Each structure stands twice: as C-alpha cells, then as structure tokens.
Amino acid sequence: MLAFAGPNQSVLVHCHRGESRSTAVAIGLLVQAGSTPTAAVEQLQSVHPTGRQFVPNALVLTHVETLLSCNGLVSDVAKLIPTAGVLMPLTTSRLW
C-alpha cells in the first residue's frame, strides 16, 4: 500500500518535468484507489500537458507493482502506451 495516500485525501504528485516518475506514481495511486491500469493511463493521458512526453518510469512502476501486489502492472502499462519501447530502463546511469 502506498501509505502516503489514503482515501479521501488530495495528493499533489510531481517531479522535475512531470513525464516519468510522477506519471508512474500517479498511475500507482489510481490503481490503489481501484482503477484498472487501462483506466489509470487513460485518465492521466487525458489531463497530461500537451507537448510533454508520457513515459511512466519502469523502476517506479516495478516498485508500485510490488507494494500493491498487482502482478503485471508494468507490462499492462507498457502495452497501453504507444511509446512502450521508450519506457525508461530499470536502471539508470544518472547521478543525483
């Protein structure tokens, strides 16, 4: 369970550009609230800013999948996004 987001709570989800990490966390929150991966992706795509990529971070989705015990979340999301081949890799060489 994603403990920071309970029922009837408002949560602001953001990251540097709003394209990858925040998108993946928002998908997880919607799935936790009862949405299917398909409904979560469609809802987020409908409100996602024009001109920005929509590429949920695969590592974050993997953590969400584990925490929520929803096997197949990563593959379901990858099938729904036209840029599925562009999903960020599970590891990164970035230094934070």
PDB file of N, CA and C in Angstrom:
ATOM      1  N   MET A   1       0.837  -1.183   0.000  1.00  0.00           N
ATOM      2  CA  MET A   1       0.000   0.000   0.000  1.00  0.00           C
ATOM      3  C   MET A   1       0.880   1.244   0.000  1.00  0.00           C
ATOM      4  N   LEU A   2       0.445   2.216  -0.739  1.00  0.00           N
ATOM      5  CA  LEU A   2       1.145   3.494  -0.766  1.00  0.00           C
ATOM      6  C   LEU A   2       0.560   4.334   0.366  1.00  0.00           C
ATOM      7  N   ALA A   3       1.190   4.242   1.529  1.00  0.00           N
ATOM      8  CA  ALA A   3       0.632   4.787   2.770  1.00  0.00           C
ATOM      9  C   ALA A   3       0.442   6.297   2.774  1.00  0.00           C
ATOM     10  N   PHE A   4       1.147   7.011   1.945  1.00  0.00           N
ATOM     11  CA  PHE A   4       1.030   8.465   1.961  1.00  0.00           C
ATOM     12  C   PHE A   4      -0.233   8.962   1.288  1.00  0.00           C
ATOM     13  N   ALA A   5      -1.016   8.077   0.711  1.00  0.00           N
ATOM     14  CA  ALA A   5      -2.235   8.493   0.011  1.00  0.00           C
ATOM     15  C   ALA A   5      -3.399   7.618   0.447  1.00  0.00           C
ATOM     16  N   GLY A   6      -4.185   8.126   1.378  1.00  0.00           N
ATOM     17  CA  GLY A   6      -5.325   7.379   1.870  1.00  0.00           C
ATOM     18  C   GLY A   6      -6.606   7.822   1.188  1.00  0.00           C
ATOM     19  N   PRO A   7      -7.703   7.159   1.534  1.00  0.00           N
ATOM     20  CA  PRO A   7      -8.994   7.524   0.949  1.00  0.00           C
ATOM     21  C   PRO A   7      -9.363   8.967   1.292  1.00  0.00           C
ATOM     22  N   ASN A   8      -9.995   9.625   0.366  1.00  0.00           N
ATOM     23  CA  ASN A   8     -10.484  10.995   0.544  1.00  0.00           C
ATOM     24  C   ASN A   8      -9.382  12.010   0.847  1.00  0.00           C
ATOM     25  N   GLN A   9      -8.171  11.731   0.403  1.00  0.00           N
ATOM     26  CA  GLN A   9      -7.078  12.685   0.575  1.00  0.00           C
ATOM     27  C   GLN A   9      -6.680  13.233  -0.789  1.00  0.00           C
ATOM     28  N   SER A  10      -6.295  14.489  -0.808  1.00  0.00           N
ATOM     29  CA  SER A  10      -5.746  15.073  -2.025  1.00  0.00           C
ATOM     30  C   SER A  10      -4.235  14.937  -1.964  1.00  0.00           C
ATOM     31  N   VAL A  11      -3.641  14.582  -3.091  1.00  0.00           N
ATOM     32  CA  VAL A  11      -2.196  14.407  -3.147  1.00  0.00           C
ATOM     33  C   VAL A  11      -1.688  15.094  -4.402  1.00  0.00           C
ATOM     34  N   LEU A  12      -0.669  15.909  -4.250  1.00  0.00           N
ATOM     35  CA  LEU A  12      -0.004  16.526  -5.394  1.00  0.00           C
ATOM     36  C   LEU A  12       1.188  15.652  -5.742  1.00  0.00           C
ATOM     37  N   VAL A  13       1.227  15.179  -6.976  1.00  0.00           N
ATOM     38  CA  VAL A  13       2.323  14.328  -7.440  1.00  0.00           C
ATOM     39  C   VAL A  13       3.075  15.107  -8.499  1.00  0.00           C
ATOM     40  N   HIS A  14       4.395  15.252  -8.298  1.00  0.00           N
ATOM     41  CA  HIS A  14       5.183  15.985  -9.284  1.00  0.00           C
ATOM     42  C   HIS A  14       6.617  15.497  -9.274  1.00  0.00           C
ATOM     43  N   CYS A  15       7.298  15.781 -10.351  1.00  0.00           N
ATOM     44  CA  CYS A  15       8.742  15.568 -10.437  1.00  0.00           C
ATOM     45  C   CYS A  15       9.282  16.694 -11.322  1.00  0.00           C
ATOM     46  N   HIS A  16      10.508  16.602 -11.710  1.00  0.00           N
ATOM     47  CA  HIS A  16      11.155  17.702 -12.427  1.00  0.00           C
ATOM     48  C   HIS A  16      10.386  18.128 -13.682  1.00  0.00           C
ATOM     49  N   ARG A  17      10.030  17.194 -14.542  1.00  0.00           N
ATOM     50  CA  ARG A  17       9.329  17.553 -15.776  1.00  0.00           C
ATOM     51  C   ARG A  17       7.903  17.024 -15.842  1.00  0.00           C
ATOM     52  N   GLY A  18       7.513  16.146 -14.930  1.00  0.00           N
ATOM     53  CA  GLY A  18       6.152  15.617 -14.958  1.00  0.00           C
ATOM     54  C   GLY A  18       5.913  14.629 -16.076  1.00  0.00           C
ATOM     55  N   GLU A  19       6.935  13.895 -16.451  1.00  0.00           N
ATOM     56  CA  GLU A  19       6.803  12.974 -17.583  1.00  0.00           C
ATOM     57  C   GLU A  19       7.025  11.516 -17.197  1.00  0.00           C
ATOM     58  N   SER A  20       7.752  11.260 -16.159  1.00  0.00           N
ATOM     59  CA  SER A  20       8.201   9.901 -15.907  1.00  0.00           C
ATOM     60  C   SER A  20       7.884   9.422 -14.491  1.00  0.00           C
ATOM     61  N   ARG A  21       8.603   9.927 -13.511  1.00  0.00           N
ATOM     62  CA  ARG A  21       8.408   9.462 -12.136  1.00  0.00           C
ATOM     63  C   ARG A  21       7.029   9.816 -11.615  1.00  0.00           C
ATOM     64  N   SER A  22       6.625  11.057 -11.780  1.00  0.00           N
ATOM     65  CA  SER A  22       5.311  11.459 -11.268  1.00  0.00           C
ATOM     66  C   SER A  22       4.190  10.725 -11.991  1.00  0.00           C
ATOM     67  N   THR A  23       4.374  10.494 -13.270  1.00  0.00           N
ATOM     68  CA  THR A  23       3.371   9.752 -14.038  1.00  0.00           C
ATOM     69  C   THR A  23       3.223   8.340 -13.488  1.00  0.00           C
ATOM     70  N   ALA A  24       4.337   7.694 -13.195  1.00  0.00           N
ATOM     71  CA  ALA A  24       4.294   6.331 -12.656  1.00  0.00           C
ATOM     72  C   ALA A  24       3.650   6.301 -11.266  1.00  0.00           C
ATOM     73  N   VAL A  25       3.994   7.267 -10.416  1.00  0.00           N
ATOM     74  CA  VAL A  25       3.399   7.322  -9.076  1.00  0.00           C
ATOM     75  C   VAL A  25       1.893   7.570  -9.188  1.00  0.00           C
ATOM     76  N   ALA A  26       1.486   8.465 -10.062  1.00  0.00           N
ATOM     77  CA  ALA A  26       0.060   8.754 -10.230  1.00  0.00           C
ATOM     78  C   ALA A  26      -0.695   7.521 -10.724  1.00  0.00           C
ATOM     79  N   ILE A  27      -0.103   6.758 -11.623  1.00  0.00           N
ATOM     80  CA  ILE A  27      -0.733   5.508 -12.072  1.00  0.00           C
ATOM     81  C   ILE A  27      -0.917   4.581 -10.869  1.00  0.00           C
ATOM     82  N   GLY A  28       0.129   4.467 -10.047  1.00  0.00           N
ATOM     83  CA  GLY A  28       0.041   3.623  -8.860  1.00  0.00           C
ATOM     84  C   GLY A  28      -1.054   4.066  -7.909  1.00  0.00           C
ATOM     85  N   LEU A  29      -1.175   5.371  -7.692  1.00  0.00           N
ATOM     86  CA  LEU A  29      -2.213   5.887  -6.794  1.00  0.00           C
ATOM     87  C   LEU A  29      -3.610   5.586  -7.332  1.00  0.00           C
ATOM     88  N   LEU A  30      -3.781   5.744  -8.629  1.00  0.00           N
ATOM     89  CA  LEU A  30      -5.090   5.454  -9.223  1.00  0.00           C
ATOM     90  C   LEU A  30      -5.416   3.962  -9.150  1.00  0.00           C
ATOM     91  N   VAL A  31      -4.419   3.114  -9.374  1.00  0.00           N
ATOM     92  CA  VAL A  31      -4.634   1.667  -9.281  1.00  0.00           C
ATOM     93  C   VAL A  31      -4.959   1.300  -7.825  1.00  0.00           C
ATOM     94  N   GLN A  32      -4.236   1.884  -6.886  1.00  0.00           N
ATOM     95  CA  GLN A  32      -4.514   1.622  -5.468  1.00  0.00           C
ATOM     96  C   GLN A  32      -5.941   2.024  -5.115  1.00  0.00           C
ATOM     97  N   ALA A  33      -6.439   3.088  -5.737  1.00  0.00           N
ATOM     98  CA  ALA A  33      -7.792   3.572  -5.456  1.00  0.00           C
ATOM     99  C   ALA A  33      -8.874   2.754  -6.159  1.00  0.00           C
ATOM    100  N   GLY A  34      -8.456   1.770  -6.965  1.00  0.00           N
ATOM    101  CA  GLY A  34      -9.442   0.892  -7.587  1.00  0.00           C
ATOM    102  C   GLY A  34      -9.517   0.945  -9.097  1.00  0.00           C
ATOM    103  N   SER A  35      -8.768   1.830  -9.726  1.00  0.00           N
ATOM    104  CA  SER A  35      -8.761   1.895 -11.192  1.00  0.00           C
ATOM    105  C   SER A  35      -7.994   0.710 -11.771  1.00  0.00           C
ATOM    106  N   THR A  36      -8.347   0.346 -12.969  1.00  0.00           N
ATOM    107  CA  THR A  36      -7.546  -0.632 -13.701  1.00  0.00           C
ATOM    108  C   THR A  36      -6.350   0.123 -14.287  1.00  0.00           C
ATOM    109  N   PRO A  37      -5.275  -0.586 -14.640  1.00  0.00           N
ATOM    110  CA  PRO A  37      -4.163   0.106 -15.300  1.00  0.00           C
ATOM    111  C   PRO A  37      -4.622   0.862 -16.547  1.00  0.00           C
ATOM    112  N   THR A  38      -5.536   0.274 -17.310  1.00  0.00           N
ATOM    113  CA  THR A  38      -6.043   0.930 -18.523  1.00  0.00           C
ATOM    114  C   THR A  38      -6.743   2.239 -18.174  1.00  0.00           C
ATOM    115  N   ALA A  39      -7.636   2.197 -17.194  1.00  0.00           N
ATOM    116  CA  ALA A  39      -8.367   3.410 -16.799  1.00  0.00           C
ATOM    117  C   ALA A  39      -7.416   4.458 -16.236  1.00  0.00           C
ATOM    118  N   ALA A  40      -6.420   4.038 -15.466  1.00  0.00           N
ATOM    119  CA  ALA A  40      -5.459   4.978 -14.885  1.00  0.00           C
ATOM    120  C   ALA A  40      -4.667   5.684 -15.978  1.00  0.00           C
ATOM    121  N   VAL A  41      -4.160   4.917 -16.943  1.00  0.00           N
ATOM    122  CA  VAL A  41      -3.381   5.505 -18.038  1.00  0.00           C
ATOM    123  C   VAL A  41      -4.250   6.450 -18.852  1.00  0.00           C
ATOM    124  N   GLU A  42      -5.467   6.037 -19.186  1.00  0.00           N
ATOM    125  CA  GLU A  42      -6.355   6.889 -19.984  1.00  0.00           C
ATOM    126  C   GLU A  42      -6.696   8.186 -19.251  1.00  0.00           C
ATOM    127  N   GLN A  43      -6.954   8.087 -17.952  1.00  0.00           N
ATOM    128  CA  GLN A  43      -7.283   9.287 -17.178  1.00  0.00           C
ATOM    129  C   GLN A  43      -6.105  10.254 -17.150  1.00  0.00           C
ATOM    130  N   LEU A  44      -4.915   9.733 -16.916  1.00  0.00           N
ATOM    131  CA  LEU A  44      -3.738  10.610 -16.864  1.00  0.00           C
ATOM    132  C   LEU A  44      -3.402  11.194 -18.228  1.00  0.00           C
ATOM    133  N   GLN A  45      -3.529  10.393 -19.273  1.00  0.00           N
ATOM    134  CA  GLN A  45      -3.243  10.923 -20.616  1.00  0.00           C
ATOM    135  C   GLN A  45      -4.203  12.045 -20.976  1.00  0.00           C
ATOM    136  N   SER A  46      -5.429  11.964 -20.491  1.00  0.00           N
ATOM    137  CA  SER A  46      -6.426  12.989 -20.836  1.00  0.00           C
ATOM    138  C   SER A  46      -6.125  14.336 -20.188  1.00  0.00           C
ATOM    139  N   VAL A  47      -5.350  14.349 -19.110  1.00  0.00           N
ATOM    140  CA  VAL A  47      -5.031  15.606 -18.434  1.00  0.00           C
ATOM    141  C   VAL A  47      -3.550  15.967 -18.521  1.00  0.00           C
ATOM    142  N   HIS A  48      -2.771  15.137 -19.187  1.00  0.00           N
ATOM    143  CA  HIS A  48      -1.330  15.377 -19.285  1.00  0.00           C
ATOM    144  C   HIS A  48      -1.073  16.593 -20.181  1.00  0.00           C
ATOM    145  N   PRO A  49      -0.146  17.459 -19.802  1.00  0.00           N
ATOM    146  CA  PRO A  49       0.127  18.667 -20.594  1.00  0.00           C
ATOM    147  C   PRO A  49       0.547  18.341 -22.029  1.00  0.00           C
ATOM    148  N   THR A  50       0.008  19.087 -22.960  1.00  0.00           N
ATOM    149  CA  THR A  50       0.367  18.934 -24.353  1.00  0.00           C
ATOM    150  C   THR A  50       1.834  19.294 -24.542  1.00  0.00           C
ATOM    151  N   GLY A  51       2.516  18.526 -25.364  1.00  0.00           N
ATOM    152  CA  GLY A  51       3.906  18.822 -25.655  1.00  0.00           C
ATOM    153  C   GLY A  51       4.892  18.130 -24.732  1.00  0.00           C
ATOM    154  N   ARG A  52       4.403  17.461 -23.717  1.00  0.00           N
ATOM    155  CA  ARG A  52       5.289  16.723 -22.812  1.00  0.00           C
ATOM    156  C   ARG A  52       5.136  15.235 -23.065  1.00  0.00           C
ATOM    157  N   GLN A  53       6.229  14.508 -22.882  1.00  0.00           N
ATOM    158  CA  GLN A  53       6.185  13.061 -23.058  1.00  0.00           C
ATOM    159  C   GLN A  53       5.387  12.423 -21.939  1.00  0.00           C
ATOM    160  N   PHE A  54       4.847  11.254 -22.215  1.00  0.00           N
ATOM    161  CA  PHE A  54       4.116  10.460 -21.234  1.00  0.00           C
ATOM    162  C   PHE A  54       4.805   9.109 -21.188  1.00  0.00           C
ATOM    163  N   VAL A  55       5.848   9.008 -20.371  1.00  0.00           N
ATOM    164  CA  VAL A  55       6.656   7.783 -20.301  1.00  0.00           C
ATOM    165  C   VAL A  55       6.853   7.376 -18.834  1.00  0.00           C
ATOM    166  N   PRO A  56       5.880   6.669 -18.265  1.00  0.00           N
ATOM    167  CA  PRO A  56       5.997   6.271 -16.866  1.00  0.00           C
ATOM    168  C   PRO A  56       7.300   5.525 -16.604  1.00  0.00           C
ATOM    169  N   ASN A  57       7.954   5.870 -15.518  1.00  0.00           N
ATOM    170  CA  ASN A  57       9.226   5.284 -15.153  1.00  0.00           C
ATOM    171  C   ASN A  57       9.033   3.816 -14.770  1.00  0.00           C
ATOM    172  N   ALA A  58       9.725   2.933 -15.477  1.00  0.00           N
ATOM    173  CA  ALA A  58       9.563   1.495 -15.271  1.00  0.00           C
ATOM    174  C   ALA A  58      10.005   1.062 -13.875  1.00  0.00           C
ATOM    175  N   LEU A  59      11.053   1.674 -13.336  1.00  0.00           N
ATOM    176  CA  LEU A  59      11.510   1.303 -12.000  1.00  0.00           C
ATOM    177  C   LEU A  59      10.460   1.666 -10.952  1.00  0.00           C
ATOM    178  N   VAL A  60       9.889   2.853 -11.062  1.00  0.00           N
ATOM    179  CA  VAL A  60       8.840   3.264 -10.120  1.00  0.00           C
ATOM    180  C   VAL A  60       7.632   2.336 -10.260  1.00  0.00           C
ATOM    181  N   LEU A  61       7.241   2.014 -11.498  1.00  0.00           N
ATOM    182  CA  LEU A  61       6.116   1.095 -11.704  1.00  0.00           C
ATOM    183  C   LEU A  61       6.402  -0.280 -11.100  1.00  0.00           C
ATOM    184  N   THR A  62       7.651  -0.720 -11.194  1.00  0.00           N
ATOM    185  CA  THR A  62       8.027  -2.003 -10.610  1.00  0.00           C
ATOM    186  C   THR A  62       7.858  -1.973  -9.090  1.00  0.00           C
ATOM    187  N   HIS A  63       8.270  -0.877  -8.460  1.00  0.00           N
ATOM    188  CA  HIS A  63       8.091  -0.741  -7.010  1.00  0.00           C
ATOM    189  C   HIS A  63       6.603  -0.702  -6.645  1.00  0.00           C
ATOM    190  N   VAL A  64       5.815   0.037  -7.405  1.00  0.00           N
ATOM    191  CA  VAL A  64       4.379   0.119  -7.162  1.00  0.00           C
ATOM    192  C   VAL A  64       3.757  -1.273  -7.310  1.00  0.00           C
ATOM    193  N   GLU A  65       4.142  -1.978  -8.357  1.00  0.00           N
ATOM    194  CA  GLU A  65       3.627  -3.323  -8.603  1.00  0.00           C
ATOM    195  C   GLU A  65       3.898  -4.231  -7.398  1.00  0.00           C
ATOM    196  N   THR A  66       5.098  -4.138  -6.849  1.00  0.00           N
ATOM    197  CA  THR A  66       5.472  -4.939  -5.685  1.00  0.00           C
ATOM    198  C   THR A  66       4.685  -4.515  -4.448  1.00  0.00           C
ATOM    199  N   LEU A  67       4.625  -3.214  -4.185  1.00  0.00           N
ATOM    200  CA  LEU A  67       3.935  -2.710  -2.999  1.00  0.00           C
ATOM    201  C   LEU A  67       2.444  -3.024  -2.997  1.00  0.00           C
ATOM    202  N   LEU A  68       1.834  -2.954  -4.176  1.00  0.00           N
ATOM    203  CA  LEU A  68       0.392  -3.186  -4.265  1.00  0.00           C
ATOM    204  C   LEU A  68       0.050  -4.634  -4.599  1.00  0.00           C
ATOM    205  N   SER A  69       1.067  -5.464  -4.803  1.00  0.00           N
ATOM    206  CA  SER A  69       0.865  -6.871  -5.174  1.00  0.00           C
ATOM    207  C   SER A  69      -0.053  -6.992  -6.390  1.00  0.00           C
ATOM    208  N   CYS A  70       0.211  -6.169  -7.398  1.00  0.00           N
ATOM    209  CA  CYS A  70      -0.593  -6.202  -8.624  1.00  0.00           C
ATOM    210  C   CYS A  70       0.294  -6.652  -9.779  1.00  0.00           C
ATOM    211  N   ASN A  71       0.538  -7.956  -9.827  1.00  0.00           N
ATOM    212  CA  ASN A  71       1.419  -8.521 -10.844  1.00  0.00           C
ATOM    213  C   ASN A  71       0.963  -8.137 -12.247  1.00  0.00           C
ATOM    214  N   GLY A  72       1.906  -7.747 -13.071  1.00  0.00           N
ATOM    215  CA  GLY A  72       1.619  -7.399 -14.455  1.00  0.00           C
ATOM    216  C   GLY A  72       1.388  -5.929 -14.707  1.00  0.00           C
ATOM    217  N   LEU A  73       1.468  -5.096 -13.673  1.00  0.00           N
ATOM    218  CA  LEU A  73       1.216  -3.661 -13.857  1.00  0.00           C
ATOM    219  C   LEU A  73       2.174  -3.067 -14.883  1.00  0.00           C
ATOM    220  N   VAL A  74       3.456  -3.380 -14.773  1.00  0.00           N
ATOM    221  CA  VAL A  74       4.449  -2.809 -15.687  1.00  0.00           C
ATOM    222  C   VAL A  74       4.137  -3.217 -17.121  1.00  0.00           C
ATOM    223  N   SER A  75       3.865  -4.492 -17.349  1.00  0.00           N
ATOM    224  CA  SER A  75       3.595  -4.935 -18.718  1.00  0.00           C
ATOM    225  C   SER A  75       2.265  -4.391 -19.227  1.00  0.00           C
ATOM    226  N   ASP A  76       1.262  -4.278 -18.352  1.00  0.00           N
ATOM    227  CA  ASP A  76      -0.023  -3.705 -18.772  1.00  0.00           C
ATOM    228  C   ASP A  76       0.146  -2.257 -19.222  1.00  0.00           C
ATOM    229  N   VAL A  77       0.882  -1.473 -18.437  1.00  0.00           N
ATOM    230  CA  VAL A  77       1.100  -0.066 -18.785  1.00  0.00           C
ATOM    231  C   VAL A  77       1.899   0.036 -20.077  1.00  0.00           C
ATOM    232  N   ALA A  78       2.917  -0.799 -20.233  1.00  0.00           N
ATOM    233  CA  ALA A  78       3.741  -0.765 -21.445  1.00  0.00           C
ATOM    234  C   ALA A  78       2.904  -1.049 -22.691  1.00  0.00           C
ATOM    235  N   LYS A  79       1.921  -1.927 -22.582  1.00  0.00           N
ATOM    236  CA  LYS A  79       1.056  -2.249 -23.731  1.00  0.00           C
ATOM    237  C   LYS A  79       0.144  -1.084 -24.100  1.00  0.00           C
ATOM    238  N   LEU A  80      -0.191  -0.249 -23.121  1.00  0.00           N
ATOM    239  CA  LEU A  80      -1.150   0.839 -23.339  1.00  0.00           C
ATOM    240  C   LEU A  80      -0.537   2.105 -23.912  1.00  0.00           C
ATOM    241  N   ILE A  81       0.763   2.222 -23.836  1.00  0.00           N
ATOM    242  CA  ILE A  81       1.423   3.462 -24.230  1.00  0.00           C
ATOM    243  C   ILE A  81       2.115   3.257 -25.570  1.00  0.00           C
ATOM    244  N   PRO A  82       1.782   4.091 -26.563  1.00  0.00           N
ATOM    245  CA  PRO A  82       2.380   3.933 -27.891  1.00  0.00           C
ATOM    246  C   PRO A  82       3.906   3.923 -27.870  1.00  0.00           C
ATOM    247  N   THR A  83       4.491   4.613 -26.926  1.00  0.00           N
ATOM    248  CA  THR A  83       5.946   4.687 -26.828  1.00  0.00           C
ATOM    249  C   THR A  83       6.481   3.638 -25.860  1.00  0.00           C
ATOM    250  N   ALA A  84       5.816   2.488 -25.782  1.00  0.00           N
ATOM    251  CA  ALA A  84       6.185   1.458 -24.801  1.00  0.00           C
ATOM    252  C   ALA A  84       7.657   1.083 -24.894  1.00  0.00           C
ATOM    253  N   GLY A  85       8.219   1.104 -26.088  1.00  0.00           N
ATOM    254  CA  GLY A  85       9.628   0.777 -26.241  1.00  0.00           C
ATOM    255  C   GLY A  85      10.536   1.839 -25.664  1.00  0.00           C
ATOM    256  N   VAL A  86       9.975   2.996 -25.315  1.00  0.00           N
ATOM    257  CA  VAL A  86      10.760   4.095 -24.798  1.00  0.00           C
ATOM    258  C   VAL A  86      10.674   4.176 -23.276  1.00  0.00           C
ATOM    259  N   LEU A  87       9.919   3.253 -22.649  1.00  0.00           N
ATOM    260  CA  LEU A  87       9.847   3.276 -21.186  1.00  0.00           C
ATOM    261  C   LEU A  87      11.253   3.306 -20.629  1.00  0.00           C
ATOM    262  N   MET A  88      11.451   4.138 -19.636  1.00  0.00           N
ATOM    263  CA  MET A  88      12.787   4.275 -19.063  1.00  0.00           C
ATOM    264  C   MET A  88      13.276   2.933 -18.539  1.00  0.00           C
ATOM    265  N   PRO A  89      14.545   2.655 -18.701  1.00  0.00           N
ATOM    266  CA  PRO A  89      15.082   1.372 -18.239  1.00  0.00           C
ATOM    267  C   PRO A  89      15.009   1.261 -16.718  1.00  0.00           C
ATOM    268  N   LEU A  90      15.113   0.019 -16.250  1.00  0.00           N
ATOM    269  CA  LEU A  90      15.024  -0.219 -14.814  1.00  0.00           C
ATOM    270  C   LEU A  90      16.231   0.292 -14.058  1.00  0.00           C
ATOM    271  N   THR A  91      17.310   0.548 -14.741  1.00  0.00           N
ATOM    272  CA  THR A  91      18.476   1.126 -14.089  1.00  0.00           C
ATOM    273  C   THR A  91      18.848   2.402 -14.822  1.00  0.00           C
ATOM    274  N   THR A  92      19.584   3.220 -14.177  1.00  0.00           N
ATOM    275  CA  THR A  92      19.979   4.474 -14.792  1.00  0.00           C
ATOM    276  C   THR A  92      21.416   4.780 -14.433  1.00  0.00           C
ATOM    277  N   SER A  93      22.076   5.509 -15.303  1.00  0.00           N
ATOM    278  CA  SER A  93      23.445   5.897 -15.006  1.00  0.00           C
ATOM    279  C   SER A  93      23.495   7.321 -14.435  1.00  0.00           C
ATOM    280  N   ARG A  94      22.327   7.918 -14.249  1.00  0.00           N
ATOM    281  CA  ARG A  94      22.270   9.286 -13.729  1.00  0.00           C
ATOM    282  C   ARG A  94      22.769   9.353 -12.312  1.00  0.00           C
ATOM    283  N   LEU A  95      23.467  10.403 -12.019  1.00  0.00           N
ATOM    284  CA  LEU A  95      23.895  10.655 -10.650  1.00  0.00           C
ATOM    285  C   LEU A  95      23.033  11.767 -10.083  1.00  0.00           C
ATOM    286  N   TRP A  96      22.429  11.554  -8.941  1.00  0.00           N
ATOM    287  CA  TRP A  96      21.544  12.560  -8.353  1.00  0.00           C
ATOM    288  C   TRP A  96      22.234  13.318  -7.300  1.00  0.00           C
TER     289      TRP A  96
END
